[in-house]
C-alpha atoms as a PDB file:
ATOM      1  CA  VAL A   1      19.296 -44.990 -58.492  1.00  0.00           C
ATOM      2  CA  LEU A   2      18.520 -42.372 -61.170  1.00  0.00           C
ATOM      3  CA  TYR A   3      19.052 -38.714 -60.418  1.00  0.00           C
ATOM      4  CA  TRP A   4      17.587 -35.710 -62.176  1.00  0.00           C
ATOM      5  CA  GLY A   5      18.320 -32.294 -60.762  1.00  0.00           C
ATOM      6  CA  VAL A   6      19.070 -28.629 -61.167  1.00  0.00           C
ATOM      7  CA  ASN A   7      22.272 -27.331 -59.640  1.00  0.00           C
ATOM      8  CA  GLY A   8      22.732 -23.903 -58.178  1.00  0.00           C
ATOM      9  CA  GLY A   9      22.728 -23.969 -54.389  1.00  0.00           C
ATOM     10  CA  GLU A  10      19.673 -22.369 -52.836  1.00  0.00           C
ATOM     11  CA  GLY A  11      16.601 -22.861 -54.897  1.00  0.00           C
ATOM     12  CA  GLY A  12      18.123 -25.952 -56.469  1.00  0.00           C
ATOM     13  CA  MET A  13      15.950 -28.975 -56.982  1.00  0.00           C
ATOM     14  CA  ALA A  14      16.626 -32.691 -57.052  1.00  0.00           C
ATOM     15  CA  ILE A  15      14.327 -35.576 -57.817  1.00  0.00           C
ATOM     16  CA  ILE A  16      15.429 -39.096 -56.978  1.00  0.00           C
ATOM     17  CA  LEU A  17      13.828 -42.027 -58.749  1.00  0.00           C
ATOM     18  CA  ASN A  18      14.825 -45.583 -58.032  1.00  0.00           C
ATOM     19  CA  ARG A  19      14.648 -48.363 -60.602  1.00  0.00           C
ATOM     20  CA  LYS A  20      11.546 -49.825 -58.980  1.00  0.00           C
ATOM     21  CA  THR A  21       9.609 -46.542 -59.347  1.00  0.00           C
ATOM     22  CA  VAL A  22      10.626 -46.149 -62.998  1.00  0.00           C
ATOM     23  CA  SER A  23       9.709 -49.759 -63.703  1.00  0.00           C
ATOM     24  CA  GLN A  24       6.294 -49.397 -62.042  1.00  0.00           C
ATOM     25  CA  THR A  25       5.550 -46.205 -64.007  1.00  0.00           C
ATOM     26  CA  TYR A  26       6.509 -47.883 -67.287  1.00  0.00           C
ATOM     27  CA  GLU A  27       4.371 -50.927 -66.543  1.00  0.00           C
ATOM     28  CA  LYS A  28       1.396 -48.722 -65.615  1.00  0.00           C
ATOM     29  CA  CYS A  29       1.645 -46.784 -68.909  1.00  0.00           C
ATOM     30  CA  LYS A  30       2.003 -50.029 -70.835  1.00  0.00           C
ATOM     31  CA  LEU A  31      -1.051 -51.538 -69.166  1.00  0.00           C
ATOM     32  CA  SER A  32      -3.050 -48.356 -69.805  1.00  0.00           C
ATOM     33  CA  GLU A  33      -2.134 -48.393 -73.498  1.00  0.00           C
ATOM     34  CA  GLU A  34      -3.007 -52.060 -73.792  1.00  0.00           C
ATOM     35  CA  ALA A  35      -6.349 -51.438 -72.075  1.00  0.00           C
ATOM     36  CA  ALA A  36      -7.132 -48.580 -74.476  1.00  0.00           C
ATOM     37  CA  ILE A  37      -6.427 -50.819 -77.474  1.00  0.00           C
ATOM     38  CA  ARG A  38      -8.513 -53.604 -75.993  1.00  0.00           C
ATOM     39  CA  GLU A  39     -11.441 -51.268 -75.279  1.00  0.00           C
ATOM     40  CA  THR A  40     -11.293 -49.757 -78.772  1.00  0.00           C
ATOM     41  CA  GLU A  41     -11.393 -53.213 -80.359  1.00  0.00           C
ATOM     42  CA  GLU A  42     -14.323 -54.137 -78.127  1.00  0.00           C
ATOM     43  CA  VAL A  43     -16.228 -51.037 -79.249  1.00  0.00           C
ATOM     44  CA  LYS A  44     -15.522 -51.872 -82.909  1.00  0.00           C
ATOM     45  CA  GLU A  45     -16.939 -55.342 -82.321  1.00  0.00           C
ATOM     46  CA  GLN A  46     -20.058 -53.918 -80.639  1.00  0.00           C
ATOM     47  CA  VAL A  47     -20.611 -51.524 -83.523  1.00  0.00           C
ATOM     48  CA  LYS A  48     -20.176 -54.335 -86.053  1.00  0.00           C
ATOM     49  CA  ASN A  49     -22.660 -56.575 -84.261  1.00  0.00           C
ATOM     50  CA  ALA A  50     -25.187 -53.757 -83.846  1.00  0.00           C
ATOM     51  CA  LYS A  51     -24.936 -52.876 -87.525  1.00  0.00           C
ATOM     52  CA  GLU A  52     -25.458 -56.485 -88.596  1.00  0.00           C
ATOM     53  CA  ALA A  53     -28.483 -56.719 -86.287  1.00  0.00           C
ATOM     54  CA  GLY A  54     -30.001 -53.549 -87.758  1.00  0.00           C
ATOM     55  CA  ALA A  55     -29.997 -51.814 -84.354  1.00  0.00           C
ATOM     56  CA  THR A  56     -31.727 -48.438 -84.084  1.00  0.00           C
ATOM     57  CA  VAL A  57     -30.519 -47.634 -80.546  1.00  0.00           C
ATOM     58  CA  LEU A  58     -26.930 -47.967 -79.314  1.00  0.00           C
ATOM     59  CA  ARG A  59     -25.116 -47.169 -76.064  1.00  0.00           C
ATOM     60  CA  LEU A  60     -21.336 -47.266 -75.608  1.00  0.00           C
ATOM     61  CA  GLY A  61     -20.416 -46.603 -71.996  1.00  0.00           C
ATOM     62  CA  GLY A  62     -18.136 -47.519 -69.129  1.00  0.00           C
ATOM     63  CA  TYR A  63     -14.802 -47.421 -70.958  1.00  0.00           C
ATOM     64  CA  VAL A  64     -12.071 -45.748 -68.915  1.00  0.00           C
ATOM     65  CA  GLU A  65      -8.937 -45.913 -71.104  1.00  0.00           C
ATOM     66  CA  MET A  66     -10.205 -45.367 -74.658  1.00  0.00           C
ATOM     67  CA  SER A  67      -9.346 -41.780 -75.681  1.00  0.00           C
ATOM     68  CA  LYS A  68     -10.992 -41.612 -79.116  1.00  0.00           C
ATOM     69  CA  LEU A  69     -14.140 -43.223 -80.422  1.00  0.00           C
ATOM     70  CA  PRO A  70     -13.352 -45.372 -83.494  1.00  0.00           C
ATOM     71  CA  GLY A  71     -14.519 -44.089 -86.861  1.00  0.00           C
ATOM     72  CA  GLU A  72     -16.594 -47.206 -87.465  1.00  0.00           C
ATOM     73  CA  VAL A  73     -19.472 -45.632 -85.495  1.00  0.00           C
ATOM     74  CA  GLY A  74     -20.248 -43.627 -88.628  1.00  0.00           C
ATOM     75  CA  GLU A  75     -21.404 -46.830 -90.310  1.00  0.00           C
ATOM     76  CA  MET A  76     -24.393 -47.082 -87.956  1.00  0.00           C
ATOM     77  CA  ASN A  77     -26.704 -45.394 -90.423  1.00  0.00           C
ATOM     78  CA  LYS A  78     -29.923 -46.837 -88.978  1.00  0.00           C
ATOM     79  CA  ILE A  79     -29.689 -45.617 -85.384  1.00  0.00           C
ATOM     80  CA  TYR A  80     -31.848 -42.748 -84.221  1.00  0.00           C
ATOM     81  CA  ARG A  81     -30.676 -42.737 -80.591  1.00  0.00           C
ATOM     82  CA  PHE A  82     -26.967 -42.901 -79.761  1.00  0.00           C
ATOM     83  CA  SER A  83     -25.444 -42.657 -76.290  1.00  0.00           C
ATOM     84  CA  VAL A  84     -21.697 -42.420 -75.614  1.00  0.00           C
ATOM     85  CA  ASP A  85     -21.487 -41.737 -71.893  1.00  0.00           C
ATOM     86  CA  ASN A  86     -19.428 -42.415 -68.776  1.00  0.00           C
ATOM     87  CA  ASN A  87     -16.213 -43.011 -70.718  1.00  0.00           C
ATOM     88  CA  TYR A  88     -13.849 -41.128 -68.459  1.00  0.00           C
ATOM     89  CA  GLY A  89     -10.847 -41.180 -70.801  1.00  0.00           C
ATOM     90  CA  LEU A  90     -12.734 -40.260 -73.980  1.00  0.00           C
ATOM     91  CA  ARG A  91     -11.391 -36.933 -75.292  1.00  0.00           C
ATOM     92  CA  TRP A  92     -12.158 -36.974 -79.020  1.00  0.00           C
ATOM     93  CA  LEU A  93     -14.957 -37.991 -81.364  1.00  0.00           C
ATOM     94  CA  PRO A  94     -14.398 -39.052 -84.982  1.00  0.00           C
ATOM     95  CA  ASP A  95     -15.295 -36.910 -87.986  1.00  0.00           C
ATOM     96  CA  THR A  96     -17.432 -39.806 -89.217  1.00  0.00           C
ATOM     97  CA  LEU A  97     -20.089 -38.836 -86.669  1.00  0.00           C
ATOM     98  CA  GLY A  98     -21.548 -36.657 -89.424  1.00  0.00           C
ATOM     99  CA  MET A  99     -22.372 -39.800 -91.402  1.00  0.00           C
ATOM    100  CA  LEU A 100     -25.250 -40.454 -88.974  1.00  0.00           C
ATOM    101  CA  ALA A 101     -27.125 -37.466 -90.405  1.00  0.00           C
ATOM    102  CA  GLU A 102     -29.919 -39.415 -92.103  1.00  0.00           C
ATOM    103  CA  ARG A 103     -31.662 -40.680 -88.956  1.00  0.00           C
ATOM    104  CA  LEU A 104     -30.045 -39.607 -85.687  1.00  0.00           C
ATOM    105  CA  GLU A 105     -32.472 -37.714 -83.446  1.00  0.00           C
ATOM    106  CA  GLU A 106     -30.841 -38.003 -80.012  1.00  0.00           C
ATOM    107  CA  LEU A 107     -27.137 -37.897 -79.126  1.00  0.00           C
ATOM    108  CA  VAL A 108     -25.952 -38.241 -75.514  1.00  0.00           C
ATOM    109  CA  LEU A 109     -22.267 -37.489 -74.872  1.00  0.00           C
ATOM    110  CA  SER A 110     -22.372 -36.884 -71.120  1.00  0.00           C
ATOM    111  CA  TYR A 111     -19.758 -37.785 -68.499  1.00  0.00           C
ATOM    112  CA  ASN A 112     -16.785 -38.154 -70.804  1.00  0.00           C
ATOM    113  CA  ALA A 113     -13.618 -36.046 -71.047  1.00  0.00           C
ATOM    114  CA  LEU A 114     -14.402 -34.404 -74.395  1.00  0.00           C
ATOM    115  CA  GLN A 115     -12.297 -31.326 -75.116  1.00  0.00           C
ATOM    116  CA  GLU A 116     -14.067 -30.322 -78.330  1.00  0.00           C
ATOM    117  CA  LEU A 117     -16.798 -31.459 -80.676  1.00  0.00           C
ATOM    118  CA  PRO A 118     -15.993 -32.197 -84.330  1.00  0.00           C
ATOM    119  CA  LYS A 119     -17.492 -29.675 -86.740  1.00  0.00           C
ATOM    120  CA  GLU A 120     -19.141 -32.605 -88.542  1.00  0.00           C
ATOM    121  CA  ILE A 121     -21.577 -32.909 -85.651  1.00  0.00           C
ATOM    122  CA  CYS A 122     -23.371 -29.912 -87.181  1.00  0.00           C
ATOM    123  CA  GLN A 123     -24.339 -32.105 -90.161  1.00  0.00           C
ATOM    124  CA  LEU A 124     -26.897 -33.966 -88.023  1.00  0.00           C
ATOM    125  CA  ARG A 125     -29.896 -32.167 -89.475  1.00  0.00           C
ATOM    126  CA  TYR A 126     -32.524 -34.366 -87.794  1.00  0.00           C
ATOM    127  CA  LEU A 127     -30.966 -34.157 -84.329  1.00  0.00           C
ATOM    128  CA  GLN A 128     -33.502 -32.998 -81.731  1.00  0.00           C
ATOM    129  CA  LYS A 129     -31.567 -33.520 -78.496  1.00  0.00           C
ATOM    130  CA  LEU A 130     -27.846 -33.047 -77.817  1.00  0.00           C
ATOM    131  CA  ASP A 131     -26.478 -33.715 -74.322  1.00  0.00           C
ATOM    132  CA  CYS A 132     -22.810 -32.740 -73.844  1.00  0.00           C
ATOM    133  CA  SER A 133     -22.979 -32.223 -70.095  1.00  0.00           C
ATOM    134  CA  ASN A 134     -20.116 -33.072 -67.739  1.00  0.00           C
ATOM    135  CA  ASN A 135     -17.196 -32.835 -70.145  1.00  0.00           C
ATOM    136  CA  GLN A 136     -14.234 -30.491 -70.652  1.00  0.00           C
ATOM    137  CA  LEU A 137     -15.578 -28.384 -73.530  1.00  0.00           C
ATOM    138  CA  ALA A 138     -14.278 -24.816 -73.768  1.00  0.00           C
ATOM    139  CA  PHE A 139     -16.194 -23.870 -76.928  1.00  0.00           C
ATOM    140  CA  LEU A 140     -18.911 -25.114 -79.276  1.00  0.00           C
ATOM    141  CA  PRO A 141     -18.820 -25.473 -83.084  1.00  0.00           C
ATOM    142  CA  GLN A 142     -19.383 -22.250 -85.025  1.00  0.00           C
ATOM    143  CA  ASP A 143     -22.124 -23.743 -87.242  1.00  0.00           C
ATOM    144  CA  LEU A 144     -24.565 -24.818 -84.532  1.00  0.00           C
ATOM    145  CA  ASP A 145     -27.443 -23.352 -86.521  1.00  0.00           C
ATOM    146  CA  ASN A 146     -27.031 -26.158 -89.082  1.00  0.00           C
ATOM    147  CA  LEU A 147     -28.700 -28.334 -86.448  1.00  0.00           C
ATOM    148  CA  VAL A 148     -32.028 -27.143 -87.794  1.00  0.00           C
ATOM    149  CA  ALA A 149     -34.171 -29.631 -85.825  1.00  0.00           C
ATOM    150  CA  LEU A 150     -32.436 -29.212 -82.450  1.00  0.00           C
ATOM    151  CA  GLU A 151     -34.875 -28.540 -79.591  1.00  0.00           C
ATOM    152  CA  GLU A 152     -32.739 -29.329 -76.533  1.00  0.00           C
ATOM    153  CA  LEU A 153     -29.080 -28.548 -75.803  1.00  0.00           C
ATOM    154  CA  ASN A 154     -27.422 -29.488 -72.500  1.00  0.00           C
ATOM    155  CA  ILE A 155     -23.878 -28.291 -71.785  1.00  0.00           C
ATOM    156  CA  ASP A 156     -24.014 -28.255 -67.976  1.00  0.00           C
ATOM    157  CA  ASN A 157     -20.677 -28.650 -66.186  1.00  0.00           C
ATOM    158  CA  ASN A 158     -18.178 -27.677 -68.868  1.00  0.00           C
ATOM    159  CA  TYR A 159     -15.709 -24.811 -69.381  1.00  0.00           C
ATOM    160  CA  ILE A 160     -17.755 -22.637 -71.757  1.00  0.00           C
ATOM    161  CA  SER A 161     -17.199 -18.889 -71.270  1.00  0.00           C
ATOM    162  CA  ALA A 162     -19.165 -17.667 -74.313  1.00  0.00           C
ATOM    163  CA  PHE A 163     -21.202 -18.995 -77.236  1.00  0.00           C
ATOM    164  CA  PRO A 164     -20.917 -18.562 -81.011  1.00  0.00           C
ATOM    165  CA  PRO A 165     -23.458 -16.249 -82.680  1.00  0.00           C
ATOM    166  CA  SER A 166     -25.003 -19.266 -84.400  1.00  0.00           C
ATOM    167  CA  LEU A 167     -26.698 -20.198 -81.104  1.00  0.00           C
ATOM    168  CA  THR A 168     -29.049 -17.239 -81.577  1.00  0.00           C
ATOM    169  CA  TYR A 169     -30.029 -18.442 -85.074  1.00  0.00           C
ATOM    170  CA  MET A 170     -31.445 -21.766 -83.896  1.00  0.00           C
ATOM    171  CA  LYS A 171     -35.176 -21.487 -84.510  1.00  0.00           C
ATOM    172  CA  LYS A 172     -36.469 -24.655 -82.804  1.00  0.00           C
ATOM    173  CA  ILE A 173     -34.401 -24.707 -79.634  1.00  0.00           C
ATOM    174  CA  SER A 174     -36.624 -24.502 -76.553  1.00  0.00           C
ATOM    175  CA  LYS A 175     -34.494 -26.060 -73.791  1.00  0.00           C
ATOM    176  CA  LEU A 176     -31.004 -24.805 -72.996  1.00  0.00           C
ATOM    177  CA  TYR A 177     -28.988 -25.970 -69.976  1.00  0.00           C
ATOM    178  CA  VAL A 178     -25.798 -24.062 -69.150  1.00  0.00           C
ATOM    179  CA  MET A 179     -25.286 -24.516 -65.398  1.00  0.00           C
ATOM    180  CA  ASN A 180     -21.779 -24.626 -63.916  1.00  0.00           C
ATOM    181  CA  ASN A 181     -19.921 -23.027 -66.800  1.00  0.00           C
ATOM    182  CA  PRO A 182     -17.614 -20.011 -66.313  1.00  0.00           C
ATOM    183  CA  LEU A 183     -19.883 -17.787 -68.407  1.00  0.00           C
ATOM    184  CA  VAL A 184     -18.713 -14.205 -68.704  1.00  0.00           C
ATOM    185  CA  ASP A 185     -21.180 -11.503 -67.685  1.00  0.00           C
ATOM    186  CA  GLU A 186     -21.559  -7.870 -68.653  1.00  0.00           C
ATOM    187  CA  ASP A 187     -19.697  -6.637 -65.581  1.00  0.00           C
ATOM    188  CA  ASP A 188     -16.596  -8.733 -66.225  1.00  0.00           C
ATOM    189  CA  SER A 189     -13.428  -7.024 -67.392  1.00  0.00           C
ATOM    190  CA  PRO A 190     -12.262  -7.683 -70.983  1.00  0.00           C
ATOM    191  CA  PHE A 191     -11.373 -11.304 -71.652  1.00  0.00           C
ATOM    192  CA  SER A 192     -10.515 -13.625 -74.519  1.00  0.00           C
ATOM    193  CA  PRO A 193     -12.778 -16.674 -74.752  1.00  0.00           C
ATOM    194  CA  THR A 194     -11.340 -19.832 -76.218  1.00  0.00           C
ATOM    195  CA  ARG A 195     -11.823 -19.948 -79.976  1.00  0.00           C
ATOM    196  CA  PRO A 196     -12.424 -23.104 -82.019  1.00  0.00           C
ATOM    197  CA  HIS A 197      -9.211 -24.236 -83.674  1.00  0.00           C
ATOM    198  CA  SER A 198     -10.992 -24.289 -87.031  1.00  0.00           C
ATOM    199  CA  LEU A 199     -12.203 -20.674 -86.843  1.00  0.00           C
ATOM    200  CA  VAL A 200     -10.797 -18.790 -89.838  1.00  0.00           C
ATOM    201  CA  HIS A 201     -13.819 -16.770 -91.003  1.00  0.00           C
ATOM    202  CA  CYS A 202     -15.485 -13.643 -89.668  1.00  0.00           C
ATOM    203  CA  ASP A 203     -18.708 -14.368 -87.763  1.00  0.00           C
ATOM    204  CA  LEU A 204     -20.472 -11.617 -89.694  1.00  0.00           C
ATOM    205  CA  CYS A 205     -19.286 -11.268 -93.300  1.00  0.00           C
ATOM    206  CA  LYS A 206     -17.501 -14.644 -93.504  1.00  0.00           C
ATOM    207  CA  SER A 207     -14.284 -13.086 -94.803  1.00  0.00           C
ATOM    208  CA  ILE A 208     -11.039 -14.776 -93.820  1.00  0.00           C
ATOM    209  CA  ILE A 209      -9.775 -13.527 -90.469  1.00  0.00           C
ATOM    210  CA  VAL A 210      -6.192 -12.342 -90.208  1.00  0.00           C
ATOM    211  CA  LYS A 211      -6.368 -10.785 -86.753  1.00  0.00           C
ATOM    212  CA  PRO A 212      -9.729 -11.384 -85.040  1.00  0.00           C
ATOM    213  CA  ILE A 213     -11.505  -8.568 -83.217  1.00  0.00           C
ATOM    214  CA  LEU A 214     -13.701  -9.679 -80.316  1.00  0.00           C
ATOM    215  CA  VAL A 215     -17.102  -8.070 -79.710  1.00  0.00           C
ATOM    216  CA  MET A 216     -19.378  -9.361 -76.960  1.00  0.00           C
ATOM    217  CA  ASN A 217     -23.158  -9.346 -76.937  1.00  0.00           C
ATOM    218  CA  PHE A 218     -25.632 -10.649 -74.348  1.00  0.00           C
ATOM    219  CA  VAL A 219     -29.013 -12.152 -75.210  1.00  0.00           C
ATOM    220  CA  ASP A 220     -31.896 -13.908 -73.462  1.00  0.00           C
ATOM    221  CA  LEU A 221     -32.709 -17.337 -74.847  1.00  0.00           C
ATOM    222  CA  CYS A 222     -34.867 -20.231 -73.592  1.00  0.00           C
ATOM    223  CA  SER A 223     -35.490 -18.524 -70.231  1.00  0.00           C
ATOM    224  CA  VAL A 224     -31.733 -18.097 -69.680  1.00  0.00           C
ATOM    225  CA  LYS A 225     -30.779 -14.472 -69.100  1.00  0.00           C
ATOM    226  CA  ASN A 226     -27.702 -12.666 -70.447  1.00  0.00           C
ATOM    227  CA  ILE A 227     -26.174 -15.457 -72.477  1.00  0.00           C
ATOM    228  CA  PRO A 228     -22.724 -14.249 -73.636  1.00  0.00           C
ATOM    229  CA  ILE A 229     -22.258 -14.289 -77.413  1.00  0.00           C
ATOM    230  CA  ALA A 230     -18.735 -13.841 -78.744  1.00  0.00           C
ATOM    231  CA  PHE A 231     -18.370 -12.350 -82.219  1.00  0.00           C
ATOM    232  CA  PHE A 232     -14.941 -12.835 -83.796  1.00  0.00           C
ATOM    233  CA  LEU A 233     -14.804 -10.188 -86.522  1.00  0.00           C
ATOM    234  CA  CYS A 234     -12.393  -9.279 -89.288  1.00  0.00           C
ATOM    235  CA  SER A 235     -12.603  -5.480 -89.518  1.00  0.00           C
ATOM    236  CA  ASP A 236     -13.754  -2.248 -87.905  1.00  0.00           C
ATOM    237  CA  ARG A 237     -16.611  -2.175 -90.414  1.00  0.00           C
ATOM    238  CA  CYS A 238     -18.011  -5.461 -89.082  1.00  0.00           C
ATOM    239  CA  VAL A 239     -17.527  -4.233 -85.522  1.00  0.00           C
ATOM    240  CA  THR A 240     -19.614  -1.156 -86.312  1.00  0.00           C
ATOM    241  CA  ILE A 241     -22.418  -3.254 -87.797  1.00  0.00           C
ATOM    242  CA  VAL A 242     -22.564  -5.580 -84.778  1.00  0.00           C
ATOM    243  CA  ASN A 243     -22.557  -2.651 -82.365  1.00  0.00           C
ATOM    244  CA  GLU A 244     -25.382  -0.931 -84.266  1.00  0.00           C
ATOM    245  CA  LEU A 245     -27.514  -4.069 -84.281  1.00  0.00           C
ATOM    246  CA  ARG A 246     -26.670  -5.081 -80.744  1.00  0.00           C
ATOM    247  CA  ASP A 247     -30.148  -4.341 -79.430  1.00  0.00           C
ATOM    248  CA  SER A 248     -32.033  -5.759 -82.413  1.00  0.00           C
ATOM    249  CA  GLU A 249     -33.169  -9.292 -83.171  1.00  0.00           C
ATOM    250  CA  GLN A 250     -30.119 -11.489 -83.660  1.00  0.00           C
ATOM    251  CA  THR A 251     -31.751 -13.312 -86.567  1.00  0.00           C
ATOM    252  CA  ASN A 252     -31.104 -10.158 -88.609  1.00  0.00           C
ATOM    253  CA  PHE A 253     -27.443 -11.103 -88.782  1.00  0.00           C
ATOM    254  CA  ARG A 254     -28.290 -14.230 -90.697  1.00  0.00           C
ATOM    255  CA  THR A 255     -30.333 -12.562 -93.433  1.00  0.00           C
ATOM    256  CA  LEU A 256     -28.287  -9.441 -94.092  1.00  0.00           C
ATOM    257  CA  GLN A 257     -26.127  -9.436 -97.212  1.00  0.00           C
ATOM    258  CA  TYR A 258     -22.647  -7.926 -97.111  1.00  0.00           C
ATOM    259  CA  ASN A 259     -20.415  -6.543 -99.803  1.00  0.00           C
ATOM    260  CA  THR A 260     -16.899  -7.509 -98.739  1.00  0.00           C
ATOM    261  CA  ASP A 261     -15.125  -5.803-101.645  1.00  0.00           C
END
């Protein structure tokens, strides 16, 4: 019998694990790892076969142990519709997703366990529909407006509290689904939304951020009222500009020129 505990009388804690329990836990982890490797190899084989067949539509779904999609999916340069759904252990997507930029028009990433989207997803300039519903996303990429053809964005059932300013620059978007997210509203007390790990530049002047200053704005977009927009800014000067333009058209932010000297 293995013992692990904390001494100290009252409030002390002891956990007793027998050899059978430890052995079962080890075997379960081993089987899970083996299943993940097996599923990943199976996906690689599917991608290879689809590429050789010149497939234009591909679905990868039903994998429960695979945590990251293999980079080989970026070689599928002929597909225009790609679905990666119902993979309950899938947490990360490869950077090579951006290599699908020449043709991809529809990308479905629903019912996975995605924690973030790679910034390379914003290279998909012909993408018209992006479905990221039913995941674990806490933020979206800062350069969403590079998706210049995007008409529909679905992020239902995630953990989004606020959006990047780039959402308001998207000219073609007409359908936006944001149900069941912990979106902040104007009556909420001050909060700190989750920032993308890659965020190092000011949302306004693009200067490098040392200590970000958060300014919130709320806009109406695609029939959705009071969408929270989180500006991470670098200076009081940028804060002043955002506050002054708060009630104006958000597209102004994109066209203004700033002298950062």
